[in-house]
Amino acid sequence: MDVTRGAVYEIDLASRKGTGHVVIISSDAHNAAPYANRVLALPIVGKPGPAFSVQLREVDPVTGWVHAGDPVPVRVNQLLKQVGMLVGATFAEIIEMVRDFLGLP
């Protein structure tokens, strides 16, 4: 499966019996590596968090909030299907929030 940075995927939430959505933030170089059986993602949820949250725009493929302070490793086999790509402005805002969360310049 080709996994792309900035893409939104429906994922299998095996531990919670259902599905959800995530946005992939790991690099395309990592995602394409033959050893990459996990990617780094941020969950898309229904409510903003206390900090480091970005609201998705109407033009994005799903609605909700991304918690930039909650990165999670996701097994590639949990990714059920790609539902679209975030618009550039949304993804740039998310990456900026991740930098702020990590204290990076």
Protein backbone atom coordinates (compact mmCIF):
# COMPACT_ATOMS: atom_id res chain seq x y z
CA MET A 1 0.00 0.00 0.00
CA ASP A 2 1.31 3.45 -0.91
CA VAL A 3 0.96 5.74 2.11
CA THR A 4 1.27 9.47 1.51
CA ARG A 5 2.10 12.26 3.94
CA GLY A 6 -0.90 14.57 4.37
CA ALA A 7 -3.40 11.88 3.40
CA VAL A 8 -6.42 11.05 5.52
CA TYR A 9 -7.10 7.37 6.06
CA GLU A 10 -9.94 5.44 7.59
CA ILE A 11 -8.36 3.09 10.12
CA ASP A 12 -9.37 -0.01 12.01
CA LEU A 13 -9.60 0.79 15.72
CA ALA A 14 -9.35 -2.83 16.80
CA SER A 15 -9.09 -1.95 20.48
CA ARG A 16 -12.29 0.13 20.32
CA LYS A 17 -14.29 -1.97 17.87
CA GLY A 18 -14.82 0.40 15.01
CA THR A 19 -13.15 2.76 12.60
CA GLY A 20 -11.74 6.27 12.79
CA HIS A 21 -9.68 8.70 10.76
CA VAL A 22 -6.05 9.79 10.94
CA VAL A 23 -3.78 12.08 8.96
CA ILE A 24 -0.33 10.74 8.08
CA ILE A 25 2.58 12.97 9.18
CA SER A 26 5.58 10.68 8.65
CA SER A 27 7.73 11.48 5.63
CA ASP A 28 7.05 9.94 2.24
CA ALA A 29 10.62 8.57 2.29
CA HIS A 30 9.86 6.66 5.49
CA ASN A 31 6.40 5.59 4.30
CA ALA A 32 7.84 4.12 1.08
CA ALA A 33 10.69 2.24 2.78
CA PRO A 34 10.38 -1.56 2.55
CA TYR A 35 10.81 -1.89 6.34
CA ALA A 36 8.05 0.62 7.15
CA ASN A 37 5.26 -1.46 8.62
CA ARG A 38 4.23 1.54 10.77
CA VAL A 39 3.62 5.18 9.96
CA LEU A 40 3.22 8.19 12.23
CA ALA A 41 -0.24 9.69 12.29
CA LEU A 42 -2.43 12.14 14.15
CA PRO A 43 -5.99 11.20 15.10
CA ILE A 44 -8.93 13.17 13.77
CA VAL A 45 -11.55 13.62 16.49
CA GLY A 46 -14.83 15.42 17.05
CA LYS A 47 -13.75 18.01 19.62
CA PRO A 48 -10.78 20.32 20.10
CA GLY A 49 -8.19 19.43 22.69
CA PRO A 50 -6.88 21.77 25.36
CA ALA A 51 -3.94 22.81 23.19
CA PHE A 52 -2.24 22.10 19.85
CA SER A 53 -5.52 21.43 18.01
CA VAL A 54 -6.31 22.32 14.41
CA GLN A 55 -9.84 22.41 13.03
CA LEU A 56 -10.21 20.87 9.59
CA ARG A 57 -11.62 23.12 6.87
CA GLU A 58 -14.77 22.60 4.79
CA VAL A 59 -12.64 21.68 1.77
CA ASP A 60 -10.85 18.87 3.65
CA PRO A 61 -12.13 15.32 3.04
CA VAL A 62 -13.49 14.88 6.60
CA THR A 63 -14.59 17.17 9.40
CA GLY A 64 -13.20 17.36 12.90
CA TRP A 65 -10.10 18.36 14.82
CA VAL A 66 -6.52 17.14 14.63
CA HIS A 67 -4.66 16.99 17.93
CA ALA A 68 -1.08 17.80 16.92
CA GLY A 69 0.15 16.87 20.40
CA ASP A 70 -1.06 13.27 20.10
CA PRO A 71 1.06 11.52 17.42
CA VAL A 72 0.55 7.76 17.26
CA PRO A 73 2.31 4.96 15.38
CA VAL A 74 -0.16 3.13 13.15
CA ARG A 75 0.44 -0.25 11.56
CA VAL A 76 0.01 -0.04 7.80
CA ASN A 77 -2.36 -3.01 7.93
CA GLN A 78 -4.72 -0.90 10.11
CA LEU A 79 -5.18 1.58 7.23
CA LEU A 80 -8.41 0.58 5.52
CA LYS A 81 -8.65 3.17 2.75
CA GLN A 82 -7.47 6.63 1.83
CA VAL A 83 -10.37 9.08 1.90
CA GLY A 84 -8.49 12.08 0.53
CA MET A 85 -5.74 14.63 1.10
CA LEU A 86 -5.79 17.60 3.44
CA VAL A 87 -5.55 20.96 1.70
CA GLY A 88 -2.12 22.54 1.83
CA ALA A 89 -3.08 25.29 4.29
CA THR A 90 -4.58 22.80 6.74
CA PHE A 91 -1.59 20.48 6.61
CA ALA A 92 0.85 23.38 6.99
CA GLU A 93 -1.02 24.53 10.10
CA ILE A 94 -0.91 20.99 11.54
CA ILE A 95 2.84 20.66 10.93
CA GLU A 96 3.40 24.07 12.56
CA MET A 97 1.45 22.88 15.62
CA VAL A 98 3.56 19.69 15.75
CA ARG A 99 6.71 21.86 15.70
CA ASP A 100 5.32 24.00 18.53
CA PHE A 101 4.39 20.88 20.52
CA LEU A 102 7.91 19.47 20.12
CA GLY A 103 9.61 22.82 20.71
CA LEU A 104 11.27 22.80 17.30
CA PRO A 105 12.20 25.97 15.40
